[in-house]
Amino acid sequence: MLLNSNSMTTAHHYLGLVRFSHTVFALPFAFLSAALAWKDASFRWVDAAGILLCMVCARNFAMAFNRIVDRHIDLKNPRTAARHLPAGTLSVAGVSLFAIANAAIFVAATALFMPNDWPLILAAPVLAFVALYSLTKRFTALAHFWLGAALMLAPVAAWIAIRGLTEMTVPLLLGTAVLFWVSGFDILYACQDAEFDRREGLHSVPARFGVKRRLHIAELCHAVRLGLLVALGMASPHLGQVYFAGLAVIAVLLIVEHSLVRADDLSRVNRAFFQINGVISLGLLALVLVQVWLI
């Protein structure tokens, strides 16, 4: 019983390390893209399992890598000093093995998509791209957009896993919408560390342009994102009235999200970041599933 209890505690720490609950930001868009791809391709449960496994493992790898390379920075920042590596809850060696294991499972899982070999061909470049995000804030304020591009890979890769490199307009529109959505809410989230980033010589939009100006940049990102989702609805023959009605609701949620965060009051950043964006991603997936499968 003690061993089981210790194992559960360790597993809990690793889930906390990678913020497993945040998978909700990317995974719904992978399956949204897959749902559209399956409308013109044969559905296979093995493909669905492969998308789920690859998504979880790629994200676990990227988050573990991020925590390893940022551990000294996190220790200096009062907001992040209690994270697992700075606090000593987990070891660098243990987290490194966790990252390597997830990378290996990710690569192995691409075999589930055979005879489509594109996922295997692209596996290493994808892992490299998502890992390098962790280094970008050391040299560019565009780090938020690298993160957005990393999550953009979720819908694009899911489409390629099912359809290969064919008819890429739909996944690229969806992926670019994800890019601007994630970049916008990451800019909001980064406001909490603007002063710390300036002091430590790190780069971010709030640190470079100030908290007030970054609000407008985040708003612009989300406006572009909404426009791209409209373009997606027009480009896909499988989306219609239900989808566009849902976009109106999403527009309202984005307005609410930005109303929660002001330059002189960052106390509600977490609510805007976690709760509203989680509702948006899951809600959009639900809309598309209703549109393409039940209507």
Protein backbone atom coordinates (compact mmCIF):
# COMPACT_ATOMS: atom_id res chain seq x y z
CA MET A 1 0.00 0.00 0.00
CA LEU A 2 2.86 2.37 0.81
CA LEU A 3 4.44 1.65 -2.56
CA ASN A 4 1.16 2.33 -4.32
CA SER A 5 0.72 5.55 -2.36
CA ASN A 6 4.25 6.68 -3.24
CA SER A 7 3.70 5.80 -6.89
CA MET A 8 0.47 7.77 -6.99
CA THR A 9 2.18 10.76 -5.36
CA THR A 10 5.01 10.64 -7.91
CA ALA A 11 2.54 10.36 -10.78
CA HIS A 12 0.64 13.34 -9.36
CA HIS A 13 3.87 15.37 -9.27
CA TYR A 14 4.63 14.57 -12.91
CA LEU A 15 1.11 15.46 -13.98
CA GLY A 16 1.54 18.75 -12.13
CA LEU A 17 4.95 19.28 -13.71
CA VAL A 18 3.53 19.19 -17.23
CA ARG A 19 0.26 20.91 -16.27
CA PHE A 20 -1.62 17.95 -17.72
CA SER A 21 -4.97 19.73 -17.41
CA HIS A 22 -3.72 22.30 -19.95
CA THR A 23 -3.85 19.62 -22.64
CA VAL A 24 -7.37 20.96 -23.11
CA PHE A 25 -5.89 23.91 -25.02
CA ALA A 26 -4.47 21.88 -27.91
CA LEU A 27 -6.07 18.43 -27.94
CA PRO A 28 -9.58 19.62 -28.95
CA PHE A 29 -8.13 21.34 -32.02
CA ALA A 30 -6.32 18.16 -33.06
CA PHE A 31 -9.58 16.22 -32.93
CA LEU A 32 -11.49 19.09 -34.55
CA SER A 33 -9.10 18.88 -37.49
CA ALA A 34 -9.36 15.08 -37.48
CA ALA A 35 -13.17 15.26 -37.54
CA LEU A 36 -13.04 17.38 -40.68
CA ALA A 37 -10.43 15.08 -42.24
CA TRP A 38 -12.51 11.98 -41.51
CA LYS A 39 -15.43 13.42 -43.48
CA ASP A 40 -13.47 12.62 -46.64
CA ALA A 41 -11.45 9.64 -45.38
CA SER A 42 -12.11 6.34 -43.66
CA PHE A 43 -12.38 6.57 -39.89
CA ARG A 44 -10.00 4.26 -38.02
CA TRP A 45 -9.92 3.90 -34.25
CA VAL A 46 -6.18 3.33 -34.46
CA ASP A 47 -5.78 6.80 -35.97
CA ALA A 48 -7.79 8.33 -33.12
CA ALA A 49 -5.65 6.47 -30.58
CA GLY A 50 -2.49 7.58 -32.38
CA ILE A 51 -3.53 11.25 -32.35
CA LEU A 52 -4.32 11.09 -28.63
CA LEU A 53 -1.06 9.34 -27.76
CA CYS A 54 1.12 11.58 -29.93
CA MET A 55 -0.53 14.75 -28.64
CA VAL A 56 -0.11 13.82 -24.97
CA CYS A 57 3.46 12.60 -25.34
CA ALA A 58 4.63 15.54 -27.46
CA ARG A 59 3.19 17.98 -24.95
CA ASN A 60 4.65 16.08 -21.98
CA PHE A 61 8.06 16.13 -23.66
CA ALA A 62 7.89 19.86 -24.43
CA MET A 63 6.74 20.79 -20.93
CA ALA A 64 9.36 18.63 -19.23
CA PHE A 65 12.07 20.13 -21.44
CA ASN A 66 10.78 23.60 -20.58
CA ARG A 67 10.95 22.93 -16.85
CA ILE A 68 14.51 21.59 -17.14
CA VAL A 69 15.96 24.51 -19.11
CA ASP A 70 14.01 27.12 -17.11
CA ARG A 71 14.67 25.72 -13.62
CA HIS A 72 17.24 28.38 -12.66
CA ILE A 73 15.02 31.19 -13.97
CA ASP A 74 12.00 29.71 -12.17
CA LEU A 75 13.95 29.66 -8.91
CA LYS A 76 14.52 33.42 -9.09
CA ASN A 77 10.88 34.24 -9.87
CA PRO A 78 8.62 34.29 -6.78
CA ARG A 79 5.66 33.19 -8.92
CA THR A 80 7.42 30.05 -10.14
CA ALA A 81 9.86 29.23 -7.33
CA ALA A 82 7.54 26.53 -5.96
CA ARG A 83 7.56 24.55 -9.20
CA HIS A 84 8.78 20.96 -8.93
CA LEU A 85 12.40 21.37 -10.01
CA PRO A 86 13.24 24.63 -8.20
CA ALA A 87 11.55 23.30 -5.07
CA GLY A 88 13.33 19.94 -5.30
CA THR A 89 10.09 17.95 -5.45
CA LEU A 90 11.38 16.18 -8.58
CA SER A 91 14.97 15.65 -9.73
CA VAL A 92 16.52 16.86 -12.98
CA ALA A 93 17.50 13.26 -13.77
CA GLY A 94 13.95 12.02 -13.21
CA VAL A 95 12.39 14.74 -15.34
CA SER A 96 14.99 14.15 -18.06
CA LEU A 97 14.09 10.45 -18.18
CA PHE A 98 10.41 11.42 -18.29
CA ALA A 99 11.08 13.72 -21.27
CA ILE A 100 13.10 11.07 -23.11
CA ALA A 101 10.44 8.40 -22.48
CA ASN A 102 7.68 10.63 -23.83
CA ALA A 103 9.74 11.51 -26.91
CA ALA A 104 10.38 7.83 -27.58
CA ILE A 105 6.70 6.92 -27.18
CA PHE A 106 5.74 9.79 -29.48
CA VAL A 107 8.03 8.53 -32.24
CA ALA A 108 6.90 4.93 -31.75
CA ALA A 109 3.24 5.96 -31.83
CA THR A 110 3.62 7.37 -35.35
CA ALA A 111 3.71 3.74 -36.52
CA LEU A 112 -0.01 3.58 -35.74
CA PHE A 113 -0.67 5.72 -38.82
CA MET A 114 0.98 3.32 -41.27
CA PRO A 115 0.94 3.01 -44.26
CA ASN A 116 1.01 6.81 -44.01
CA ASP A 117 4.69 7.45 -43.23
CA TRP A 118 4.53 11.25 -43.01
CA PRO A 119 4.02 11.26 -39.20
CA LEU A 120 7.21 9.23 -38.73
CA ILE A 121 9.16 11.43 -41.17
CA LEU A 122 8.06 14.59 -39.37
CA ALA A 123 8.35 13.25 -35.80
CA ALA A 124 11.87 14.52 -35.02
CA PRO A 125 11.35 18.01 -36.55
CA VAL A 126 8.11 18.38 -34.57
CA LEU A 127 9.79 17.46 -31.28
CA ALA A 128 12.67 19.86 -32.00
CA PHE A 129 10.30 22.71 -32.83
CA VAL A 130 8.15 22.35 -29.71
CA ALA A 131 11.23 22.03 -27.49
CA LEU A 132 12.98 25.11 -28.87
CA TYR A 133 10.12 27.32 -27.72
CA SER A 134 11.61 27.13 -24.23
CA LEU A 135 14.72 28.99 -25.40
CA THR A 136 13.07 31.77 -27.41
CA LYS A 137 12.38 34.18 -24.56
CA ARG A 138 16.13 34.46 -24.12
CA PHE A 139 16.47 36.30 -27.44
CA THR A 140 13.10 37.49 -28.83
CA ALA A 141 9.83 39.03 -27.68
CA LEU A 142 8.14 36.90 -30.33
CA ALA A 143 8.39 33.88 -28.01
CA HIS A 144 4.59 33.96 -27.60
CA PHE A 145 4.19 33.40 -31.33
CA TRP A 146 6.62 30.47 -31.29
CA LEU A 147 4.41 28.90 -28.61
CA GLY A 148 1.40 29.59 -30.81
CA ALA A 149 3.14 27.96 -33.76
CA ALA A 150 3.99 24.93 -31.60
CA LEU A 151 0.31 24.43 -30.75
CA MET A 152 -0.58 25.16 -34.37
CA LEU A 153 1.08 21.83 -35.15
CA ALA A 154 -1.71 19.97 -33.32
CA PRO A 155 -4.45 20.41 -35.95
CA VAL A 156 -1.99 20.38 -38.85
CA ALA A 157 -0.33 17.14 -37.69
CA ALA A 158 -3.68 15.46 -36.99
CA TRP A 159 -4.80 16.21 -40.56
CA ILE A 160 -1.52 14.91 -42.02
CA ALA A 161 -1.83 11.73 -39.92
CA ILE A 162 -5.18 11.00 -41.58
CA ARG A 163 -4.96 12.54 -45.06
CA GLY A 164 -1.26 13.09 -45.67
CA LEU A 165 -0.17 16.33 -47.36
CA THR A 166 -3.39 16.74 -49.34
CA GLU A 167 -5.92 19.60 -49.38
CA MET A 168 -4.07 21.51 -46.68
CA THR A 169 -6.13 24.72 -46.77
CA VAL A 170 -8.48 23.67 -43.96
CA PRO A 171 -5.83 22.52 -41.45
CA LEU A 172 -3.61 25.51 -42.18
CA LEU A 173 -6.48 27.95 -41.58
CA LEU A 174 -7.37 26.17 -38.36
CA GLY A 175 -3.73 25.93 -37.30
CA THR A 176 -3.08 29.62 -37.96
CA ALA A 177 -6.18 30.48 -35.93
CA VAL A 178 -4.71 28.43 -33.07
CA LEU A 179 -1.40 30.26 -33.49
CA PHE A 180 -2.98 33.69 -32.98
CA TRP A 181 -5.30 32.45 -30.23
CA VAL A 182 -2.49 30.94 -28.17
CA SER A 183 -0.17 33.89 -28.82
CA GLY A 184 -2.85 36.29 -27.63
CA PHE A 185 -3.64 34.55 -24.37
CA ASP A 186 0.06 33.84 -23.67
CA ILE A 187 0.72 37.57 -23.97
CA LEU A 188 -2.00 38.13 -21.37
CA TYR A 189 -0.50 35.48 -19.10
CA ALA A 190 3.02 36.91 -19.46
CA CYS A 191 1.90 40.22 -17.97
CA GLN A 192 2.39 38.68 -14.54
CA ASP A 193 6.15 38.48 -15.15
CA ALA A 194 6.76 41.73 -17.05
CA GLU A 195 8.92 43.34 -14.36
CA PHE A 196 10.79 40.12 -13.62
CA ASP A 197 11.52 39.58 -17.33
CA ARG A 198 12.92 43.11 -17.69
CA ARG A 199 15.12 42.65 -14.64
CA GLU A 200 16.48 39.31 -15.84
CA GLY A 201 16.96 40.37 -19.46
CA LEU A 202 14.25 38.04 -20.75
CA HIS A 203 12.05 38.92 -23.70
CA SER A 204 8.27 39.13 -23.91
CA VAL A 205 5.68 41.47 -25.37
CA PRO A 206 4.69 42.90 -21.93
CA ALA A 207 8.35 43.39 -20.97
CA ARG A 208 9.15 45.18 -24.23
CA PHE A 209 6.02 47.22 -24.87
CA GLY A 210 4.50 47.56 -21.41
CA VAL A 211 1.42 45.95 -19.94
CA LYS A 212 -1.04 48.51 -21.31
CA ARG A 213 0.14 48.29 -24.93
CA ARG A 214 0.26 44.49 -24.79
CA LEU A 215 -3.51 44.49 -24.19
CA HIS A 216 -4.02 45.90 -27.65
CA ILE A 217 -1.60 43.39 -29.20
CA ALA A 218 -3.44 40.49 -27.54
CA GLU A 219 -6.79 41.91 -28.71
CA LEU A 220 -5.46 42.15 -32.26
CA CYS A 221 -4.26 38.53 -32.11
CA HIS A 222 -7.69 37.34 -31.03
CA ALA A 223 -9.43 39.44 -33.67
CA VAL A 224 -7.23 37.81 -36.33
CA ARG A 225 -7.99 34.43 -34.83
CA LEU A 226 -11.74 35.03 -35.11
CA GLY A 227 -11.35 36.13 -38.72
CA LEU A 228 -9.43 32.96 -39.52
CA LEU A 229 -12.15 30.81 -37.95
CA VAL A 230 -14.69 32.57 -40.18
CA ALA A 231 -12.45 31.85 -43.17
CA LEU A 232 -12.28 28.21 -42.05
CA GLY A 233 -16.06 27.98 -42.06
CA MET A 234 -16.15 29.34 -45.58
CA ALA A 235 -13.34 27.07 -46.82
CA SER A 236 -14.69 23.80 -45.42
CA PRO A 237 -17.73 22.27 -47.12
CA HIS A 238 -18.59 20.52 -43.86
CA LEU A 239 -19.19 23.62 -41.73
CA GLY A 240 -22.35 25.68 -41.75
CA GLN A 241 -24.94 27.51 -39.65
CA VAL A 242 -24.28 25.74 -36.35
CA TYR A 243 -20.58 26.48 -36.62
CA PHE A 244 -21.08 30.17 -37.44
CA ALA A 245 -23.60 30.60 -34.62
CA GLY A 246 -21.00 29.14 -32.28
CA LEU A 247 -18.41 31.62 -33.50
CA ALA A 248 -20.66 34.45 -32.32
CA VAL A 249 -20.62 32.96 -28.83
CA ILE A 250 -16.84 32.58 -28.98
CA ALA A 251 -16.52 36.24 -29.95
CA VAL A 252 -18.45 37.18 -26.80
CA LEU A 253 -16.23 34.93 -24.67
CA LEU A 254 -13.12 36.61 -26.10
CA ILE A 255 -14.53 40.01 -25.19
CA VAL A 256 -15.19 38.76 -21.66
CA GLU A 257 -11.66 37.36 -21.44
CA HIS A 258 -10.11 40.71 -22.29
CA SER A 259 -12.44 42.58 -19.96
CA LEU A 260 -11.11 40.53 -17.03
CA VAL A 261 -7.54 41.77 -17.46
CA ARG A 262 -6.61 45.43 -17.10
CA ALA A 263 -3.24 47.14 -17.00
CA ASP A 264 -3.86 48.16 -13.39
CA ASP A 265 -5.42 44.85 -12.30
CA LEU A 266 -3.88 41.48 -13.17
CA SER A 267 -5.61 39.57 -10.39
CA ARG A 268 -7.95 37.79 -12.81
CA VAL A 269 -5.34 36.67 -15.36
CA ASN A 270 -5.62 33.02 -14.34
CA ARG A 271 -9.39 33.05 -14.71
CA ALA A 272 -9.09 34.56 -18.18
CA PHE A 273 -6.26 32.22 -19.13
CA PHE A 274 -7.51 28.86 -17.86
CA GLN A 275 -11.27 28.94 -17.55
CA ILE A 276 -12.41 30.93 -20.57
CA ASN A 277 -9.88 29.49 -23.01
CA GLY A 278 -10.71 25.97 -21.86
CA VAL A 279 -14.38 26.64 -22.55
CA ILE A 280 -13.53 28.08 -25.97
CA SER A 281 -11.45 25.11 -27.10
CA LEU A 282 -13.87 22.44 -25.87
CA GLY A 283 -16.87 24.42 -27.08
CA LEU A 284 -15.48 24.81 -30.58
CA LEU A 285 -14.80 21.07 -30.78
CA ALA A 286 -18.35 20.33 -29.66
CA LEU A 287 -19.73 22.71 -32.30
CA VAL A 288 -17.80 21.06 -35.10
CA LEU A 289 -18.77 17.55 -33.97
CA VAL A 290 -22.42 18.54 -33.93
CA GLN A 291 -22.08 20.19 -37.33
CA VAL A 292 -20.24 17.40 -39.16
CA TRP A 293 -21.69 14.28 -37.56
CA LEU A 294 -25.20 15.03 -36.34
CA ILE A 295 -26.52 17.41 -38.97
